[in-house]
Amino acid sequence: MKKNLRNRIVAGTIGAAMLLAPTAAFADTTPTPTTATTAKATAADKAAYKAALAAYRIALKAWQDTRNADRTAYKSALVTYRAALASHKTALKQIDATFNTAVAAARAAFTTATTGTVTAAARQVALNARVAAVAAATTARATSIAALPALPAKAVLPTVAPKPVAPVKP
């Protein structure tokens, strides 16, 4: 216990001595002499900067106009693509509805023809008629799908040119 207390006192004294002692970090630094020409920009530098700033503003405006025109063109192409996609989807639904109606009619005709006591020959004739009707509906569906116009390619996101760099102020 005594040894621990003595070690604490010694450590505290050394720490205080290190904090209170003057060090080289707190020494005054002498400023480096500067000349008036390096500290202040000349009139020629200011004129060059103003010209560069005017050119930068013109380039920035042209860049913004180009970027906005590309975005507008992309958005309109995307709207056109989505409209074509919706129209294609609607046409496919209509073709499928027509196909399903034809298949349901063939099934209903088969069911009507085979109700009650029917001979095997009559049943086979009704089955052949149903198979032929479904095959005709399938062929009509495939032909209708093939006749649909091809979908346009999806609009490609435009690449933006790098933004002009502002001139450095003198």
C-alpha atoms as a PDB file:
ATOM      1  CA  MET A   1       0.000   0.000   0.000  1.00  0.00           C
ATOM      2  CA  LYS A   2       2.835   2.394   0.928  1.00  0.00           C
ATOM      3  CA  LYS A   3       4.707   1.500  -2.236  1.00  0.00           C
ATOM      4  CA  ASN A   4       1.629   2.147  -4.416  1.00  0.00           C
ATOM      5  CA  LEU A   5       1.077   5.569  -2.829  1.00  0.00           C
ATOM      6  CA  ARG A   6       4.748   6.470  -3.248  1.00  0.00           C
ATOM      7  CA  ASN A   7       4.609   5.461  -6.957  1.00  0.00           C
ATOM      8  CA  ARG A   8       1.565   7.652  -7.477  1.00  0.00           C
ATOM      9  CA  ILE A   9       3.256  10.650  -5.883  1.00  0.00           C
ATOM     10  CA  VAL A  10       6.388  10.174  -7.977  1.00  0.00           C
ATOM     11  CA  ALA A  11       4.342   9.826 -11.187  1.00  0.00           C
ATOM     12  CA  GLY A  12       2.283  12.926 -10.321  1.00  0.00           C
ATOM     13  CA  THR A  13       5.417  14.983  -9.636  1.00  0.00           C
ATOM     14  CA  ILE A  14       7.082  13.941 -12.875  1.00  0.00           C
ATOM     15  CA  GLY A  15       3.890  14.723 -14.830  1.00  0.00           C
ATOM     16  CA  ALA A  16       3.570  18.169 -13.263  1.00  0.00           C
ATOM     17  CA  ALA A  17       7.220  18.922 -13.969  1.00  0.00           C
ATOM     18  CA  MET A  18       6.795  17.980 -17.601  1.00  0.00           C
ATOM     19  CA  LEU A  19       3.698  20.144 -17.975  1.00  0.00           C
ATOM     20  CA  LEU A  20       5.180  23.195 -16.300  1.00  0.00           C
ATOM     21  CA  ALA A  21       8.603  23.081 -17.927  1.00  0.00           C
ATOM     22  CA  PRO A  22       9.090  25.324 -20.986  1.00  0.00           C
ATOM     23  CA  THR A  23       9.373  23.387 -24.219  1.00  0.00           C
ATOM     24  CA  ALA A  24      10.461  24.155 -27.741  1.00  0.00           C
ATOM     25  CA  ALA A  25       6.874  23.822 -28.964  1.00  0.00           C
ATOM     26  CA  PHE A  26       5.935  27.062 -27.241  1.00  0.00           C
ATOM     27  CA  ALA A  27       8.846  29.043 -28.613  1.00  0.00           C
ATOM     28  CA  ASP A  28       8.101  32.077 -30.768  1.00  0.00           C
ATOM     29  CA  THR A  29       8.456  31.484 -34.454  1.00  0.00           C
ATOM     30  CA  THR A  30       9.696  34.290 -36.600  1.00  0.00           C
ATOM     31  CA  PRO A  31       7.533  34.936 -39.645  1.00  0.00           C
ATOM     32  CA  THR A  32       9.154  34.591 -43.030  1.00  0.00           C
ATOM     33  CA  PRO A  33       9.473  37.874 -44.839  1.00  0.00           C
ATOM     34  CA  THR A  34       7.153  38.280 -47.819  1.00  0.00           C
ATOM     35  CA  THR A  35       7.378  40.738 -50.600  1.00  0.00           C
ATOM     36  CA  ALA A  36       4.502  42.916 -51.726  1.00  0.00           C
ATOM     37  CA  THR A  37       4.430  41.378 -55.216  1.00  0.00           C
ATOM     38  CA  THR A  38       3.768  37.835 -53.957  1.00  0.00           C
ATOM     39  CA  ALA A  39       1.131  38.858 -51.419  1.00  0.00           C
ATOM     40  CA  LYS A  40      -1.030  40.938 -53.716  1.00  0.00           C
ATOM     41  CA  ALA A  41      -2.209  40.093 -57.193  1.00  0.00           C
ATOM     42  CA  THR A  42      -1.203  42.421 -59.957  1.00  0.00           C
ATOM     43  CA  ALA A  43      -3.676  44.169 -62.207  1.00  0.00           C
ATOM     44  CA  ALA A  44      -2.735  41.828 -65.060  1.00  0.00           C
ATOM     45  CA  ASP A  45      -3.515  38.795 -62.881  1.00  0.00           C
ATOM     46  CA  LYS A  46      -6.898  40.264 -61.976  1.00  0.00           C
ATOM     47  CA  ALA A  47      -7.736  40.972 -65.614  1.00  0.00           C
ATOM     48  CA  ALA A  48      -6.701  37.454 -66.645  1.00  0.00           C
ATOM     49  CA  TYR A  49      -8.826  36.012 -63.843  1.00  0.00           C
ATOM     50  CA  LYS A  50     -11.858  38.066 -64.912  1.00  0.00           C
ATOM     51  CA  ALA A  51     -11.454  36.893 -68.505  1.00  0.00           C
ATOM     52  CA  ALA A  52     -11.085  33.275 -67.376  1.00  0.00           C
ATOM     53  CA  LEU A  53     -14.136  33.668 -65.117  1.00  0.00           C
ATOM     54  CA  ALA A  54     -16.218  35.029 -68.011  1.00  0.00           C
ATOM     55  CA  ALA A  55     -15.116  32.105 -70.219  1.00  0.00           C
ATOM     56  CA  TYR A  56     -15.929  29.685 -67.380  1.00  0.00           C
ATOM     57  CA  ARG A  57     -19.440  31.111 -66.992  1.00  0.00           C
ATOM     58  CA  ILE A  58     -20.088  30.739 -70.721  1.00  0.00           C
ATOM     59  CA  ALA A  59     -18.761  27.149 -70.693  1.00  0.00           C
ATOM     60  CA  LEU A  60     -20.827  26.350 -67.589  1.00  0.00           C
ATOM     61  CA  LYS A  61     -24.011  27.684 -69.189  1.00  0.00           C
ATOM     62  CA  ALA A  62     -23.344  25.654 -72.356  1.00  0.00           C
ATOM     63  CA  TRP A  63     -22.692  22.551 -70.239  1.00  0.00           C
ATOM     64  CA  GLN A  64     -25.934  23.054 -68.293  1.00  0.00           C
ATOM     65  CA  ASP A  65     -27.929  23.581 -71.508  1.00  0.00           C
ATOM     66  CA  THR A  66     -26.470  20.427 -73.059  1.00  0.00           C
ATOM     67  CA  ARG A  67     -27.111  18.396 -69.907  1.00  0.00           C
ATOM     68  CA  ASN A  68     -30.705  19.640 -69.643  1.00  0.00           C
ATOM     69  CA  ALA A  69     -31.380  18.948 -73.335  1.00  0.00           C
ATOM     70  CA  ASP A  70     -29.999  15.397 -72.952  1.00  0.00           C
ATOM     71  CA  ARG A  71     -32.175  14.818 -69.880  1.00  0.00           C
ATOM     72  CA  THR A  72     -35.277  16.102 -71.661  1.00  0.00           C
ATOM     73  CA  ALA A  73     -34.605  13.904 -74.692  1.00  0.00           C
ATOM     74  CA  TYR A  74     -34.051  10.885 -72.419  1.00  0.00           C
ATOM     75  CA  LYS A  75     -37.275  11.519 -70.517  1.00  0.00           C
ATOM     76  CA  SER A  76     -39.327  11.844 -73.700  1.00  0.00           C
ATOM     77  CA  ALA A  77     -37.743   8.676 -75.145  1.00  0.00           C
ATOM     78  CA  LEU A  78     -38.552   6.871 -71.904  1.00  0.00           C
ATOM     79  CA  VAL A  79     -42.187   8.024 -72.063  1.00  0.00           C
ATOM     80  CA  THR A  80     -42.407   6.789 -75.667  1.00  0.00           C
ATOM     81  CA  TYR A  81     -40.851   3.449 -74.694  1.00  0.00           C
ATOM     82  CA  ARG A  82     -43.241   2.990 -71.774  1.00  0.00           C
ATOM     83  CA  ALA A  83     -46.235   3.811 -73.994  1.00  0.00           C
ATOM     84  CA  ALA A  84     -45.092   1.241 -76.562  1.00  0.00           C
ATOM     85  CA  LEU A  85     -44.602  -1.315 -73.790  1.00  0.00           C
ATOM     86  CA  ALA A  86     -48.100  -0.660 -72.404  1.00  0.00           C
ATOM     87  CA  SER A  87     -49.640  -0.937 -75.871  1.00  0.00           C
ATOM     88  CA  HIS A  88     -47.791  -4.238 -76.472  1.00  0.00           C
ATOM     89  CA  LYS A  89     -48.973  -5.573 -73.126  1.00  0.00           C
ATOM     90  CA  THR A  90     -52.576  -4.583 -73.894  1.00  0.00           C
ATOM     91  CA  ALA A  91     -52.401  -6.265 -77.302  1.00  0.00           C
ATOM     92  CA  LEU A  92     -51.026  -9.459 -75.724  1.00  0.00           C
ATOM     93  CA  LYS A  93     -53.855  -9.460 -73.174  1.00  0.00           C
ATOM     94  CA  GLN A  94     -56.399  -9.091 -75.984  1.00  0.00           C
ATOM     95  CA  ILE A  95     -54.817 -11.943 -77.966  1.00  0.00           C
ATOM     96  CA  ASP A  96     -54.777 -14.158 -74.860  1.00  0.00           C
ATOM     97  CA  ALA A  97     -58.414 -13.309 -74.105  1.00  0.00           C
ATOM     98  CA  THR A  98     -59.406 -14.271 -77.655  1.00  0.00           C
ATOM     99  CA  PHE A  99     -57.450 -17.527 -77.364  1.00  0.00           C
ATOM    100  CA  ASN A 100     -59.011 -18.361 -73.992  1.00  0.00           C
ATOM    101  CA  THR A 101     -62.496 -17.657 -75.375  1.00  0.00           C
ATOM    102  CA  ALA A 102     -61.895 -20.001 -78.332  1.00  0.00           C
ATOM    103  CA  VAL A 103     -60.572 -22.762 -76.071  1.00  0.00           C
ATOM    104  CA  ALA A 104     -63.509 -22.348 -73.676  1.00  0.00           C
ATOM    105  CA  ALA A 105     -65.955 -22.553 -76.617  1.00  0.00           C
ATOM    106  CA  ALA A 106     -64.274 -25.750 -77.852  1.00  0.00           C
ATOM    107  CA  ARG A 107     -64.451 -27.229 -74.369  1.00  0.00           C
ATOM    108  CA  ALA A 108     -68.121 -26.244 -74.008  1.00  0.00           C
ATOM    109  CA  ALA A 109     -68.940 -27.767 -77.423  1.00  0.00           C
ATOM    110  CA  PHE A 110     -67.198 -30.993 -76.393  1.00  0.00           C
ATOM    111  CA  THR A 111     -69.048 -31.090 -73.075  1.00  0.00           C
ATOM    112  CA  THR A 112     -72.383 -30.477 -74.813  1.00  0.00           C
ATOM    113  CA  ALA A 113     -71.683 -33.163 -77.392  1.00  0.00           C
ATOM    114  CA  THR A 114     -70.683 -35.760 -74.797  1.00  0.00           C
ATOM    115  CA  THR A 115     -73.495 -35.243 -72.274  1.00  0.00           C
ATOM    116  CA  GLY A 116     -75.763 -38.159 -71.700  1.00  0.00           C
ATOM    117  CA  THR A 117     -75.220 -41.575 -73.204  1.00  0.00           C
ATOM    118  CA  VAL A 118     -72.993 -41.235 -76.209  1.00  0.00           C
ATOM    119  CA  THR A 119     -71.411 -43.842 -78.407  1.00  0.00           C
ATOM    120  CA  ALA A 120     -67.645 -44.170 -78.542  1.00  0.00           C
ATOM    121  CA  ALA A 121     -67.605 -43.024 -82.155  1.00  0.00           C
ATOM    122  CA  ALA A 122     -69.583 -39.847 -81.359  1.00  0.00           C
ATOM    123  CA  ARG A 123     -67.298 -39.169 -78.403  1.00  0.00           C
ATOM    124  CA  GLN A 124     -64.227 -39.566 -80.632  1.00  0.00           C
ATOM    125  CA  VAL A 125     -65.706 -37.193 -83.236  1.00  0.00           C
ATOM    126  CA  ALA A 126     -66.384 -34.570 -80.511  1.00  0.00           C
ATOM    127  CA  LEU A 127     -62.862 -35.007 -79.126  1.00  0.00           C
ATOM    128  CA  ASN A 128     -61.334 -34.610 -82.602  1.00  0.00           C
ATOM    129  CA  ALA A 129     -63.398 -31.430 -83.111  1.00  0.00           C
ATOM    130  CA  ARG A 130     -62.164 -30.034 -79.773  1.00  0.00           C
ATOM    131  CA  VAL A 131     -58.523 -30.826 -80.563  1.00  0.00           C
ATOM    132  CA  ALA A 132     -58.878 -29.221 -84.000  1.00  0.00           C
ATOM    133  CA  ALA A 133     -60.500 -26.100 -82.502  1.00  0.00           C
ATOM    134  CA  VAL A 134     -57.737 -25.741 -79.870  1.00  0.00           C
ATOM    135  CA  ALA A 135     -55.061 -26.229 -82.547  1.00  0.00           C
ATOM    136  CA  ALA A 136     -56.689 -23.570 -84.742  1.00  0.00           C
ATOM    137  CA  ALA A 137     -56.878 -21.184 -81.759  1.00  0.00           C
ATOM    138  CA  THR A 138     -53.212 -21.849 -80.937  1.00  0.00           C
ATOM    139  CA  THR A 139     -52.176 -21.177 -84.527  1.00  0.00           C
ATOM    140  CA  ALA A 140     -54.226 -17.966 -84.617  1.00  0.00           C
ATOM    141  CA  ARG A 141     -52.667 -16.866 -81.329  1.00  0.00           C
ATOM    142  CA  ALA A 142     -49.117 -17.525 -82.549  1.00  0.00           C
ATOM    143  CA  THR A 143     -49.832 -15.677 -85.818  1.00  0.00           C
ATOM    144  CA  SER A 144     -51.278 -12.698 -83.930  1.00  0.00           C
ATOM    145  CA  ILE A 145     -48.290 -12.513 -81.587  1.00  0.00           C
ATOM    146  CA  ALA A 146     -45.881 -12.691 -84.521  1.00  0.00           C
ATOM    147  CA  ALA A 147     -47.789  -9.862 -86.245  1.00  0.00           C
ATOM    148  CA  LEU A 148     -47.307  -7.511 -83.284  1.00  0.00           C
ATOM    149  CA  PRO A 149     -44.788  -4.725 -83.918  1.00  0.00           C
ATOM    150  CA  ALA A 150     -41.387  -5.210 -82.337  1.00  0.00           C
ATOM    151  CA  LEU A 151     -40.718  -3.335 -79.127  1.00  0.00           C
ATOM    152  CA  PRO A 152     -38.368  -0.365 -79.454  1.00  0.00           C
ATOM    153  CA  ALA A 153     -35.059  -0.479 -77.620  1.00  0.00           C
ATOM    154  CA  LYS A 154     -35.106   1.014 -74.146  1.00  0.00           C
ATOM    155  CA  ALA A 155     -33.749   4.538 -73.983  1.00  0.00           C
ATOM    156  CA  VAL A 156     -30.109   4.718 -72.923  1.00  0.00           C
ATOM    157  CA  LEU A 157     -29.245   7.042 -70.065  1.00  0.00           C
ATOM    158  CA  PRO A 158     -27.185   9.885 -71.527  1.00  0.00           C
ATOM    159  CA  THR A 159     -23.609  10.303 -70.396  1.00  0.00           C
ATOM    160  CA  VAL A 160     -22.857  13.708 -68.977  1.00  0.00           C
ATOM    161  CA  ALA A 161     -19.657  15.463 -69.993  1.00  0.00           C
ATOM    162  CA  PRO A 162     -17.491  16.589 -67.089  1.00  0.00           C
ATOM    163  CA  LYS A 163     -18.404  19.926 -65.590  1.00  0.00           C
ATOM    164  CA  PRO A 164     -16.079  22.810 -66.511  1.00  0.00           C
ATOM    165  CA  VAL A 165     -13.502  23.675 -63.874  1.00  0.00           C
ATOM    166  CA  ALA A 166     -13.675  27.122 -62.318  1.00  0.00           C
ATOM    167  CA  PRO A 167     -10.551  29.273 -62.648  1.00  0.00           C
ATOM    168  CA  VAL A 168      -8.334  29.692 -59.611  1.00  0.00           C
ATOM    169  CA  LYS A 169      -8.594  33.104 -57.982  1.00  0.00           C
ATOM    170  CA  PRO A 170      -5.232  34.913 -57.859  1.00  0.00           C
END
